[in-house]
Amino acid sequence: MSHFIDNMTVEQLTNTNAIALGVTSTVTAAGTQTLTVNSTHQQVYTGSTAAQLIKAPDATTLVVGHQYRLWNQATVAVTFQNNTPTTQFTLPAGARAVVTVTDISTAAGVWIWTIESGTTDLKTKAGTVSAGTFTGTPRTATVTFTTAFTSANYSPSVIGADGRSWKVTTKVAGSFVINTQANTALTGAVDWIAVDQGEN
């Protein structure tokens, strides 16, 4: 005689006040930290040495949806790479990111991420480029940020003592180029300001 359960409903209420996710803290050291399937969910970075790389695991060892949370508490940016390694994004100082693998058919995998600033204020950077820094034909100079923006979605403005039609080119998260659109040497310094795009 067969046994079966019919029309049975099981209900349970679970109240979870907190959840503990593993944390690993790493001091930046201009080296490469390779994550694995067994690495803790949360990775925290501290310190002040630049050029820290975070290399993702071989994606074929993971399941789709495997995720890491990166907290950059260092005073410098850190860079996340896939397993190839190919740079996926740079995480500025004070920012955090959630990275998730969505395709595990290759070692590199396909990663998606969300980056959040550690502050609700828009980021603003500003500086001055001396006249002698501009070289070439036409004369150009590269502005390199101490800490990169999270992307190239920022708006730079240029004001110089010389009467030029200033042009901004080669804009990336960590730098942009000021083109004077002229071959004549500058006589005065050039001021610039860059503001992260958005509203607060």
N, C-alpha and C. Protein backbone atom coordinates (compact mmCIF):
# COMPACT_ATOMS: atom_id res chain seq x y z
N MET A 1 0.85 -1.17 0.00
CA MET A 1 0.00 0.00 0.00
C MET A 1 0.89 1.24 0.00
N SER A 2 0.60 2.21 -0.92
CA SER A 2 1.42 3.43 -1.01
C SER A 2 0.98 4.42 0.06
N HIS A 3 1.93 5.23 0.47
CA HIS A 3 1.67 6.26 1.47
C HIS A 3 1.85 7.63 0.83
N PHE A 4 0.98 8.56 1.12
CA PHE A 4 1.13 9.91 0.58
C PHE A 4 0.52 10.92 1.54
N ILE A 5 1.00 12.15 1.37
CA ILE A 5 0.46 13.26 2.17
C ILE A 5 -0.24 14.20 1.21
N ASP A 6 -1.48 14.52 1.50
CA ASP A 6 -2.24 15.37 0.60
C ASP A 6 -2.76 16.58 1.36
N ASN A 7 -2.76 17.75 0.66
CA ASN A 7 -3.33 18.97 1.22
C ASN A 7 -2.72 19.35 2.57
N MET A 8 -1.41 19.26 2.61
CA MET A 8 -0.73 19.59 3.88
C MET A 8 -0.02 20.92 3.71
N THR A 9 -0.24 21.82 4.62
CA THR A 9 0.40 23.14 4.58
C THR A 9 1.27 23.31 5.82
N VAL A 10 2.52 23.71 5.57
CA VAL A 10 3.44 23.95 6.68
C VAL A 10 3.77 25.43 6.69
N GLU A 11 3.55 26.07 7.78
CA GLU A 11 3.86 27.49 7.90
C GLU A 11 4.86 27.70 9.02
N GLN A 12 5.78 28.64 8.77
CA GLN A 12 6.77 28.95 9.80
C GLN A 12 7.16 30.41 9.66
N LEU A 13 7.27 31.10 10.77
CA LEU A 13 7.69 32.48 10.78
C LEU A 13 9.11 32.53 11.34
N THR A 14 10.00 33.10 10.54
CA THR A 14 11.39 33.23 10.99
C THR A 14 11.72 34.69 11.18
N ASN A 15 12.24 35.04 12.32
CA ASN A 15 12.62 36.42 12.61
C ASN A 15 14.13 36.46 12.74
N THR A 16 14.78 37.12 11.76
CA THR A 16 16.24 37.23 11.78
C THR A 16 16.63 38.66 12.10
N ASN A 17 17.27 38.86 13.23
CA ASN A 17 17.68 40.20 13.63
C ASN A 17 19.03 40.60 13.07
N ALA A 18 19.84 39.63 12.73
CA ALA A 18 21.17 39.95 12.20
C ALA A 18 21.70 38.75 11.42
N ILE A 19 22.62 39.04 10.51
CA ILE A 19 23.26 37.98 9.75
C ILE A 19 24.76 38.27 9.74
N ALA A 20 25.55 37.26 9.95
CA ALA A 20 27.01 37.44 10.00
C ALA A 20 27.63 36.91 8.71
N LEU A 21 28.26 37.80 7.97
CA LEU A 21 28.96 37.44 6.74
C LEU A 21 30.46 37.56 7.00
N GLY A 22 31.22 36.59 6.54
CA GLY A 22 32.66 36.59 6.79
C GLY A 22 33.34 37.84 6.26
N VAL A 23 34.38 38.28 6.97
CA VAL A 23 35.13 39.49 6.59
C VAL A 23 36.62 39.18 6.59
N THR A 24 37.31 39.64 5.54
CA THR A 24 38.76 39.57 5.48
C THR A 24 39.29 40.98 5.28
N SER A 25 40.27 41.38 6.09
CA SER A 25 40.85 42.71 5.97
C SER A 25 42.24 42.60 5.33
N THR A 26 42.49 43.44 4.34
CA THR A 26 43.77 43.42 3.62
C THR A 26 44.36 44.83 3.61
N VAL A 27 45.64 44.93 3.97
CA VAL A 27 46.35 46.21 3.87
C VAL A 27 46.91 46.32 2.46
N THR A 28 46.60 47.40 1.76
CA THR A 28 47.07 47.55 0.39
C THR A 28 48.59 47.51 0.35
N ALA A 29 49.12 46.82 -0.70
CA ALA A 29 50.57 46.60 -0.74
C ALA A 29 51.11 46.57 -2.16
N ALA A 30 50.43 47.22 -3.10
CA ALA A 30 50.88 47.25 -4.49
C ALA A 30 51.10 45.84 -5.04
N GLY A 31 50.27 44.90 -4.59
CA GLY A 31 50.36 43.52 -5.04
C GLY A 31 49.03 43.04 -5.56
N THR A 32 48.92 41.74 -5.76
CA THR A 32 47.68 41.15 -6.26
C THR A 32 47.11 40.18 -5.24
N GLN A 33 45.87 40.39 -4.85
CA GLN A 33 45.15 39.47 -3.98
C GLN A 33 44.21 38.66 -4.88
N THR A 34 44.39 37.35 -4.91
CA THR A 34 43.54 36.50 -5.74
C THR A 34 42.46 35.87 -4.88
N LEU A 35 41.21 36.20 -5.18
CA LEU A 35 40.09 35.62 -4.45
C LEU A 35 39.82 34.20 -4.94
N THR A 36 39.19 33.39 -4.10
CA THR A 36 38.82 32.03 -4.46
C THR A 36 37.37 31.80 -4.09
N VAL A 37 36.86 30.64 -4.42
CA VAL A 37 35.49 30.29 -4.07
C VAL A 37 35.31 30.28 -2.55
N ASN A 38 36.40 30.07 -1.82
CA ASN A 38 36.33 30.02 -0.36
C ASN A 38 36.62 31.35 0.33
N SER A 39 36.91 32.40 -0.45
CA SER A 39 37.17 33.71 0.15
C SER A 39 35.91 34.23 0.84
N THR A 40 36.08 35.02 1.88
CA THR A 40 34.93 35.56 2.60
C THR A 40 34.13 36.51 1.71
N HIS A 41 32.87 36.65 2.04
CA HIS A 41 31.96 37.47 1.24
C HIS A 41 32.39 38.94 1.24
N GLN A 42 32.86 39.42 2.38
CA GLN A 42 33.24 40.82 2.51
C GLN A 42 34.76 40.96 2.54
N GLN A 43 35.28 41.86 1.70
CA GLN A 43 36.70 42.13 1.64
C GLN A 43 36.91 43.61 1.95
N VAL A 44 37.67 43.89 3.01
CA VAL A 44 37.92 45.26 3.45
C VAL A 44 39.37 45.61 3.17
N TYR A 45 39.60 46.81 2.61
CA TYR A 45 40.96 47.26 2.28
C TYR A 45 41.29 48.50 3.07
N THR A 46 42.49 48.47 3.68
CA THR A 46 42.99 49.60 4.46
C THR A 46 44.41 49.90 3.99
N GLY A 47 44.98 50.98 4.51
CA GLY A 47 46.35 51.32 4.17
C GLY A 47 46.46 52.49 3.21
N SER A 48 47.69 52.73 2.74
CA SER A 48 47.93 53.90 1.90
C SER A 48 48.84 53.61 0.71
N THR A 49 49.17 52.32 0.47
CA THR A 49 50.03 51.97 -0.66
C THR A 49 49.17 51.74 -1.90
N ALA A 50 49.49 52.47 -2.98
CA ALA A 50 48.69 52.41 -4.20
C ALA A 50 48.97 51.13 -4.99
N ALA A 51 48.18 50.93 -6.06
CA ALA A 51 48.34 49.85 -7.05
C ALA A 51 47.93 48.47 -6.53
N GLN A 52 47.04 48.41 -5.55
CA GLN A 52 46.53 47.12 -5.08
C GLN A 52 45.56 46.55 -6.10
N LEU A 53 45.78 45.28 -6.49
CA LEU A 53 44.91 44.60 -7.45
C LEU A 53 44.12 43.50 -6.74
N ILE A 54 42.86 43.36 -7.11
CA ILE A 54 42.00 42.29 -6.59
C ILE A 54 41.61 41.43 -7.79
N LYS A 55 42.07 40.20 -7.81
CA LYS A 55 41.82 39.32 -8.95
C LYS A 55 40.71 38.34 -8.60
N ALA A 56 39.69 38.29 -9.46
CA ALA A 56 38.55 37.40 -9.23
C ALA A 56 38.97 35.94 -9.39
N PRO A 57 38.22 35.03 -8.80
CA PRO A 57 38.52 33.60 -8.97
C PRO A 57 38.28 33.14 -10.41
N ASP A 58 38.79 31.99 -10.74
CA ASP A 58 38.42 31.30 -11.98
C ASP A 58 36.90 31.11 -11.91
N ALA A 59 36.17 31.76 -12.80
CA ALA A 59 34.71 31.77 -12.71
C ALA A 59 34.10 30.37 -12.85
N THR A 60 34.82 29.45 -13.49
CA THR A 60 34.28 28.09 -13.66
C THR A 60 34.23 27.34 -12.34
N THR A 61 34.88 27.87 -11.29
CA THR A 61 34.83 27.24 -9.97
C THR A 61 33.67 27.76 -9.13
N LEU A 62 32.93 28.72 -9.67
CA LEU A 62 31.85 29.37 -8.93
C LEU A 62 30.49 28.92 -9.46
N VAL A 63 29.44 29.39 -8.82
CA VAL A 63 28.09 29.23 -9.35
C VAL A 63 27.60 30.62 -9.75
N VAL A 64 26.70 30.68 -10.73
CA VAL A 64 26.15 31.97 -11.14
C VAL A 64 25.51 32.65 -9.94
N GLY A 65 25.84 33.91 -9.74
CA GLY A 65 25.32 34.66 -8.60
C GLY A 65 26.31 34.79 -7.46
N HIS A 66 27.47 34.10 -7.56
CA HIS A 66 28.49 34.24 -6.50
C HIS A 66 28.86 35.71 -6.40
N GLN A 67 28.99 36.18 -5.18
CA GLN A 67 29.10 37.62 -4.96
C GLN A 67 30.14 37.95 -3.90
N TYR A 68 30.77 39.12 -4.08
CA TYR A 68 31.70 39.67 -3.08
C TYR A 68 31.30 41.12 -2.82
N ARG A 69 31.53 41.55 -1.59
CA ARG A 69 31.38 42.97 -1.24
C ARG A 69 32.77 43.52 -0.93
N LEU A 70 33.13 44.58 -1.61
CA LEU A 70 34.45 45.20 -1.45
C LEU A 70 34.28 46.54 -0.75
N TRP A 71 34.99 46.71 0.35
CA TRP A 71 34.94 47.96 1.12
C TRP A 71 36.32 48.60 1.07
N ASN A 72 36.46 49.71 0.38
CA ASN A 72 37.76 50.36 0.29
C ASN A 72 37.90 51.44 1.35
N GLN A 73 38.48 51.06 2.48
CA GLN A 73 38.74 52.01 3.55
C GLN A 73 40.17 52.56 3.48
N ALA A 74 40.90 52.19 2.43
CA ALA A 74 42.25 52.70 2.22
C ALA A 74 42.18 54.15 1.75
N THR A 75 43.32 54.82 1.77
CA THR A 75 43.37 56.20 1.29
C THR A 75 43.70 56.26 -0.19
N VAL A 76 43.80 55.11 -0.83
CA VAL A 76 44.11 55.02 -2.26
C VAL A 76 43.08 54.12 -2.95
N ALA A 77 43.01 54.21 -4.27
CA ALA A 77 42.09 53.36 -5.02
C ALA A 77 42.62 51.93 -5.10
N VAL A 78 41.71 50.97 -5.29
CA VAL A 78 42.07 49.58 -5.56
C VAL A 78 41.39 49.17 -6.86
N THR A 79 41.94 48.17 -7.54
CA THR A 79 41.43 47.78 -8.86
C THR A 79 40.96 46.33 -8.85
N PHE A 80 39.76 46.10 -9.38
CA PHE A 80 39.19 44.75 -9.47
C PHE A 80 39.38 44.22 -10.88
N GLN A 81 39.91 42.99 -10.99
CA GLN A 81 40.15 42.35 -12.29
C GLN A 81 39.41 41.03 -12.36
N ASN A 82 39.09 40.59 -13.57
CA ASN A 82 38.60 39.22 -13.70
C ASN A 82 39.80 38.28 -13.68
N ASN A 83 39.61 37.00 -13.93
CA ASN A 83 40.68 36.03 -13.77
C ASN A 83 41.69 36.02 -14.92
N THR A 84 41.43 36.81 -15.98
CA THR A 84 42.28 36.78 -17.17
C THR A 84 43.73 37.22 -16.96
N PRO A 85 44.12 38.30 -16.29
CA PRO A 85 43.27 39.29 -15.64
C PRO A 85 43.04 40.51 -16.54
N THR A 86 41.79 40.97 -16.59
CA THR A 86 41.44 42.20 -17.28
C THR A 86 40.73 43.11 -16.28
N THR A 87 41.16 44.38 -16.23
CA THR A 87 40.56 45.32 -15.28
C THR A 87 39.07 45.50 -15.57
N GLN A 88 38.26 45.38 -14.52
CA GLN A 88 36.82 45.58 -14.61
C GLN A 88 36.44 46.99 -14.13
N PHE A 89 37.02 47.42 -13.00
CA PHE A 89 36.76 48.76 -12.51
C PHE A 89 37.79 49.13 -11.44
N THR A 90 37.87 50.42 -11.16
CA THR A 90 38.71 50.93 -10.08
C THR A 90 37.80 51.46 -8.99
N LEU A 91 38.09 51.06 -7.77
CA LEU A 91 37.26 51.45 -6.62
C LEU A 91 37.99 52.55 -5.85
N PRO A 92 37.45 53.77 -5.86
CA PRO A 92 38.13 54.88 -5.19
C PRO A 92 38.18 54.71 -3.67
N ALA A 93 39.06 55.46 -3.05
CA ALA A 93 39.15 55.46 -1.60
C ALA A 93 37.80 55.86 -1.01
N GLY A 94 37.37 55.15 0.03
CA GLY A 94 36.12 55.47 0.71
C GLY A 94 34.88 54.91 0.05
N ALA A 95 35.02 54.24 -1.09
CA ALA A 95 33.85 53.70 -1.80
C ALA A 95 33.68 52.22 -1.51
N ARG A 96 32.54 51.67 -1.92
CA ARG A 96 32.27 50.25 -1.74
C ARG A 96 31.63 49.71 -3.02
N ALA A 97 31.78 48.41 -3.23
CA ALA A 97 31.22 47.80 -4.44
C ALA A 97 30.68 46.42 -4.12
N VAL A 98 29.64 46.03 -4.85
CA VAL A 98 29.13 44.67 -4.83
C VAL A 98 29.40 44.09 -6.22
N VAL A 99 30.12 42.98 -6.30
CA VAL A 99 30.44 42.36 -7.59
C VAL A 99 29.83 40.96 -7.63
N THR A 100 29.21 40.65 -8.77
CA THR A 100 28.49 39.39 -8.93
C THR A 100 28.85 38.76 -10.26
N VAL A 101 29.11 37.45 -10.27
CA VAL A 101 29.39 36.76 -11.53
C VAL A 101 28.07 36.28 -12.12
N THR A 102 27.89 36.55 -13.43
CA THR A 102 26.63 36.18 -14.10
C THR A 102 26.83 35.13 -15.18
N ASP A 103 28.08 34.81 -15.52
CA ASP A 103 28.38 33.79 -16.53
C ASP A 103 29.65 33.07 -16.10
N ILE A 104 29.58 31.76 -15.95
CA ILE A 104 30.73 30.99 -15.45
C ILE A 104 31.24 30.01 -16.50
N SER A 105 30.99 30.30 -17.76
CA SER A 105 31.38 29.37 -18.82
C SER A 105 32.87 29.46 -19.16
N THR A 106 33.54 30.54 -18.74
CA THR A 106 34.98 30.69 -18.96
C THR A 106 35.63 31.10 -17.66
N ALA A 107 36.96 31.01 -17.62
CA ALA A 107 37.68 31.40 -16.40
C ALA A 107 37.48 32.88 -16.10
N ALA A 108 37.44 33.71 -17.15
CA ALA A 108 37.24 35.15 -16.96
C ALA A 108 35.85 35.43 -16.41
N GLY A 109 34.86 34.68 -16.89
CA GLY A 109 33.49 34.90 -16.47
C GLY A 109 32.97 36.25 -16.93
N VAL A 110 31.74 36.54 -16.57
CA VAL A 110 31.15 37.86 -16.79
C VAL A 110 30.76 38.40 -15.43
N TRP A 111 31.28 39.56 -15.08
CA TRP A 111 31.04 40.17 -13.78
C TRP A 111 30.24 41.46 -13.94
N ILE A 112 29.30 41.67 -13.05
CA ILE A 112 28.58 42.94 -12.98
C ILE A 112 28.85 43.54 -11.61
N TRP A 113 28.74 44.85 -11.50
CA TRP A 113 29.06 45.48 -10.22
C TRP A 113 28.29 46.77 -10.04
N THR A 114 28.16 47.15 -8.78
CA THR A 114 27.58 48.43 -8.39
C THR A 114 28.57 49.10 -7.46
N ILE A 115 28.89 50.35 -7.75
CA ILE A 115 29.82 51.11 -6.90
C ILE A 115 29.05 52.21 -6.20
N GLU A 116 29.27 52.31 -4.90
CA GLU A 116 28.63 53.36 -4.12
C GLU A 116 29.70 54.19 -3.45
N SER A 117 29.50 55.49 -3.49
CA SER A 117 30.43 56.39 -2.82
C SER A 117 30.21 56.29 -1.32
N GLY A 118 31.25 56.56 -0.58
CA GLY A 118 31.12 56.56 0.87
C GLY A 118 30.45 57.81 1.41
N THR A 119 30.09 58.72 0.51
CA THR A 119 29.45 59.96 0.93
C THR A 119 28.34 60.30 -0.04
N THR A 120 27.36 61.05 0.39
CA THR A 120 26.28 61.46 -0.50
C THR A 120 26.63 62.73 -1.25
N ASP A 121 27.73 63.38 -0.92
CA ASP A 121 28.15 64.59 -1.60
C ASP A 121 28.79 64.26 -2.93
N LEU A 122 28.61 65.14 -3.92
CA LEU A 122 29.29 64.98 -5.19
C LEU A 122 30.77 65.24 -5.01
N LYS A 123 31.58 64.50 -5.73
CA LYS A 123 33.03 64.69 -5.63
C LYS A 123 33.47 65.83 -6.53
N THR A 124 34.37 66.66 -6.02
CA THR A 124 34.94 67.76 -6.78
C THR A 124 36.44 67.71 -6.66
N LYS A 125 37.12 67.87 -7.78
CA LYS A 125 38.58 67.93 -7.79
C LYS A 125 38.99 69.20 -8.50
N ALA A 126 40.10 69.79 -8.10
CA ALA A 126 40.56 71.02 -8.74
C ALA A 126 42.07 71.11 -8.65
N GLY A 127 42.65 71.90 -9.54
CA GLY A 127 44.10 72.05 -9.51
C GLY A 127 44.58 73.09 -10.51
N THR A 128 45.90 73.22 -10.58
CA THR A 128 46.54 74.17 -11.49
C THR A 128 47.65 73.47 -12.24
N VAL A 129 47.75 73.74 -13.53
CA VAL A 129 48.82 73.20 -14.37
C VAL A 129 49.71 74.35 -14.78
N SER A 130 51.01 74.25 -14.51
CA SER A 130 51.93 75.34 -14.85
C SER A 130 52.07 75.46 -16.37
N ALA A 131 52.41 76.65 -16.82
CA ALA A 131 52.52 76.92 -18.26
C ALA A 131 53.53 76.00 -18.94
N GLY A 132 54.65 75.74 -18.27
CA GLY A 132 55.71 74.93 -18.85
C GLY A 132 55.37 73.46 -19.01
N THR A 133 54.27 73.02 -18.38
CA THR A 133 53.87 71.61 -18.48
C THR A 133 53.32 71.29 -19.86
N PHE A 134 52.78 72.29 -20.54
CA PHE A 134 52.17 72.08 -21.85
C PHE A 134 53.23 71.92 -22.92
N THR A 135 53.17 70.80 -23.65
CA THR A 135 54.16 70.51 -24.69
C THR A 135 53.45 70.00 -25.95
N GLY A 136 54.22 69.85 -27.02
CA GLY A 136 53.69 69.26 -28.25
C GLY A 136 53.09 70.28 -29.19
N THR A 137 52.56 69.77 -30.29
CA THR A 137 51.94 70.61 -31.31
C THR A 137 50.61 69.99 -31.70
N PRO A 138 49.47 70.56 -31.28
CA PRO A 138 49.35 71.72 -30.40
C PRO A 138 49.77 71.38 -28.97
N ARG A 139 49.92 72.38 -28.17
CA ARG A 139 50.38 72.17 -26.79
C ARG A 139 49.28 71.56 -25.94
N THR A 140 49.64 70.46 -25.24
CA THR A 140 48.69 69.75 -24.38
C THR A 140 49.35 69.42 -23.05
N ALA A 141 48.52 69.11 -22.06
CA ALA A 141 49.00 68.64 -20.76
C ALA A 141 47.97 67.67 -20.20
N THR A 142 48.44 66.64 -19.50
CA THR A 142 47.55 65.66 -18.89
C THR A 142 47.35 65.97 -17.41
N VAL A 143 46.12 66.02 -16.99
CA VAL A 143 45.76 66.17 -15.57
C VAL A 143 45.47 64.77 -15.04
N THR A 144 46.24 64.34 -14.05
CA THR A 144 46.03 63.02 -13.44
C THR A 144 45.58 63.20 -12.00
N PHE A 145 44.43 62.60 -11.65
CA PHE A 145 43.89 62.75 -10.30
C PHE A 145 44.66 61.88 -9.31
N THR A 146 44.80 62.36 -8.09
CA THR A 146 45.40 61.55 -7.03
C THR A 146 44.52 60.34 -6.75
N THR A 147 43.21 60.56 -6.72
CA THR A 147 42.24 59.47 -6.57
C THR A 147 41.26 59.58 -7.73
N ALA A 148 41.10 58.51 -8.49
CA ALA A 148 40.25 58.54 -9.68
C ALA A 148 38.79 58.66 -9.30
N PHE A 149 37.98 59.21 -10.22
CA PHE A 149 36.54 59.12 -10.11
C PHE A 149 36.15 57.66 -10.35
N THR A 150 34.91 57.29 -10.07
CA THR A 150 34.47 55.92 -10.30
C THR A 150 34.28 55.63 -11.78
N SER A 151 34.12 56.67 -12.59
CA SER A 151 33.96 56.51 -14.03
C SER A 151 34.33 57.83 -14.70
N ALA A 152 34.18 57.90 -16.00
CA ALA A 152 34.47 59.13 -16.75
C ALA A 152 33.27 60.07 -16.76
N ASN A 153 32.25 59.79 -15.94
CA ASN A 153 31.06 60.65 -15.88
C ASN A 153 31.28 61.82 -14.93
N TYR A 154 32.18 62.73 -15.31
CA TYR A 154 32.42 63.96 -14.56
C TYR A 154 32.57 65.09 -15.58
N SER A 155 32.44 66.32 -15.10
CA SER A 155 32.49 67.48 -16.00
C SER A 155 33.68 68.36 -15.64
N PRO A 156 34.70 68.42 -16.51
CA PRO A 156 35.85 69.30 -16.27
C PRO A 156 35.66 70.68 -16.92
N SER A 157 36.16 71.70 -16.25
CA SER A 157 36.19 73.06 -16.79
C SER A 157 37.62 73.57 -16.70
N VAL A 158 38.02 74.36 -17.69
CA VAL A 158 39.39 74.86 -17.77
C VAL A 158 39.37 76.38 -17.91
N ILE A 159 40.22 77.06 -17.11
CA ILE A 159 40.35 78.52 -17.18
C ILE A 159 41.84 78.85 -17.17
N GLY A 160 42.30 79.56 -18.17
CA GLY A 160 43.71 79.91 -18.25
C GLY A 160 43.92 81.39 -18.40
N ALA A 161 45.12 81.87 -18.03
CA ALA A 161 45.46 83.28 -18.16
C ALA A 161 45.60 83.67 -19.64
N ASP A 162 46.03 82.70 -20.46
CA ASP A 162 46.20 82.97 -21.88
C ASP A 162 44.85 82.83 -22.60
N GLY A 163 44.67 83.65 -23.63
CA GLY A 163 43.44 83.60 -24.40
C GLY A 163 43.46 82.42 -25.37
N ARG A 164 42.94 81.28 -24.94
CA ARG A 164 42.91 80.08 -25.78
C ARG A 164 41.50 79.51 -25.82
N SER A 165 41.25 78.71 -26.80
CA SER A 165 39.99 77.97 -26.90
C SER A 165 40.26 76.58 -26.34
N TRP A 166 40.17 76.43 -25.03
CA TRP A 166 40.55 75.20 -24.34
C TRP A 166 39.64 74.05 -24.74
N LYS A 167 40.24 72.87 -24.90
CA LYS A 167 39.48 71.68 -25.26
C LYS A 167 39.90 70.53 -24.33
N VAL A 168 38.95 69.76 -23.84
CA VAL A 168 39.23 68.60 -22.99
C VAL A 168 39.12 67.35 -23.86
N THR A 169 40.16 66.51 -23.83
CA THR A 169 40.15 65.27 -24.61
C THR A 169 40.60 64.11 -23.73
N THR A 170 40.49 62.91 -24.23
CA THR A 170 40.97 61.68 -23.58
C THR A 170 40.54 61.63 -22.11
N LYS A 171 39.25 61.81 -21.88
CA LYS A 171 38.72 61.83 -20.51
C LYS A 171 38.45 60.41 -20.05
N VAL A 172 39.12 59.97 -18.99
CA VAL A 172 38.90 58.67 -18.36
C VAL A 172 38.73 58.90 -16.87
N ALA A 173 38.45 57.84 -16.11
CA ALA A 173 38.17 57.99 -14.68
C ALA A 173 39.31 58.65 -13.92
N GLY A 174 40.56 58.39 -14.34
CA GLY A 174 41.70 58.88 -13.57
C GLY A 174 42.40 60.09 -14.12
N SER A 175 41.99 60.57 -15.30
CA SER A 175 42.71 61.70 -15.90
C SER A 175 41.96 62.27 -17.09
N PHE A 176 42.42 63.44 -17.54
CA PHE A 176 41.96 64.01 -18.79
C PHE A 176 43.07 64.87 -19.37
N VAL A 177 42.96 65.21 -20.64
CA VAL A 177 43.99 66.01 -21.33
C VAL A 177 43.42 67.38 -21.65
N ILE A 178 44.20 68.42 -21.36
CA ILE A 178 43.84 69.78 -21.75
C ILE A 178 44.58 70.10 -23.03
N ASN A 179 43.83 70.44 -24.07
CA ASN A 179 44.41 70.80 -25.36
C ASN A 179 44.23 72.30 -25.56
N THR A 180 45.35 73.02 -25.77
CA THR A 180 45.29 74.48 -25.95
C THR A 180 44.83 74.87 -27.35
N GLN A 181 44.85 73.91 -28.28
CA GLN A 181 44.50 74.15 -29.68
C GLN A 181 45.35 75.25 -30.30
N ALA A 182 46.61 75.34 -29.84
CA ALA A 182 47.55 76.31 -30.39
C ALA A 182 48.96 75.80 -30.17
N ASN A 183 49.89 76.27 -30.99
CA ASN A 183 51.28 75.83 -30.89
C ASN A 183 52.15 76.76 -30.05
N THR A 184 51.67 77.97 -29.77
CA THR A 184 52.44 78.96 -29.03
C THR A 184 52.50 78.60 -27.54
N ALA A 185 53.69 78.78 -26.95
CA ALA A 185 53.87 78.49 -25.53
C ALA A 185 52.98 79.38 -24.68
N LEU A 186 52.51 78.82 -23.57
CA LEU A 186 51.68 79.58 -22.64
C LEU A 186 52.55 80.49 -21.78
N THR A 187 51.96 81.58 -21.32
CA THR A 187 52.68 82.49 -20.42
C THR A 187 52.17 82.41 -18.99
N GLY A 188 50.97 81.85 -18.81
CA GLY A 188 50.39 81.77 -17.48
C GLY A 188 49.88 80.39 -17.15
N ALA A 189 49.62 80.16 -15.87
CA ALA A 189 49.13 78.86 -15.40
C ALA A 189 47.68 78.64 -15.84
N VAL A 190 47.28 77.37 -15.81
CA VAL A 190 45.93 76.99 -16.21
C VAL A 190 45.24 76.30 -15.02
N ASP A 191 44.09 76.83 -14.65
CA ASP A 191 43.31 76.24 -13.55
C ASP A 191 42.24 75.32 -14.13
N TRP A 192 41.94 74.24 -13.40
CA TRP A 192 40.89 73.31 -13.83
C TRP A 192 40.09 72.88 -12.62
N ILE A 193 38.83 72.50 -12.89
CA ILE A 193 37.97 71.92 -11.87
C ILE A 193 37.14 70.83 -12.51
N ALA A 194 36.95 69.72 -11.80
CA ALA A 194 36.17 68.59 -12.31
C ALA A 194 35.15 68.18 -11.25
N VAL A 195 33.90 68.05 -11.66
CA VAL A 195 32.81 67.73 -10.74
C VAL A 195 32.11 66.46 -11.21
N ASP A 196 31.91 65.53 -10.29
CA ASP A 196 31.17 64.30 -10.58
C ASP A 196 29.78 64.65 -11.04
N GLN A 197 29.27 64.00 -12.07
CA GLN A 197 27.95 64.31 -12.59
C GLN A 197 26.86 63.73 -11.70
N GLY A 198 25.75 64.42 -11.59
CA GLY A 198 24.62 63.97 -10.78
C GLY A 198 24.06 65.08 -9.93
N GLU A 199 23.18 64.71 -9.00
CA GLU A 199 22.56 65.66 -8.09
C GLU A 199 22.66 65.14 -6.67
N ASN A 200 22.65 66.07 -5.71
CA ASN A 200 22.59 65.65 -4.31
C ASN A 200 21.62 66.54 -3.57
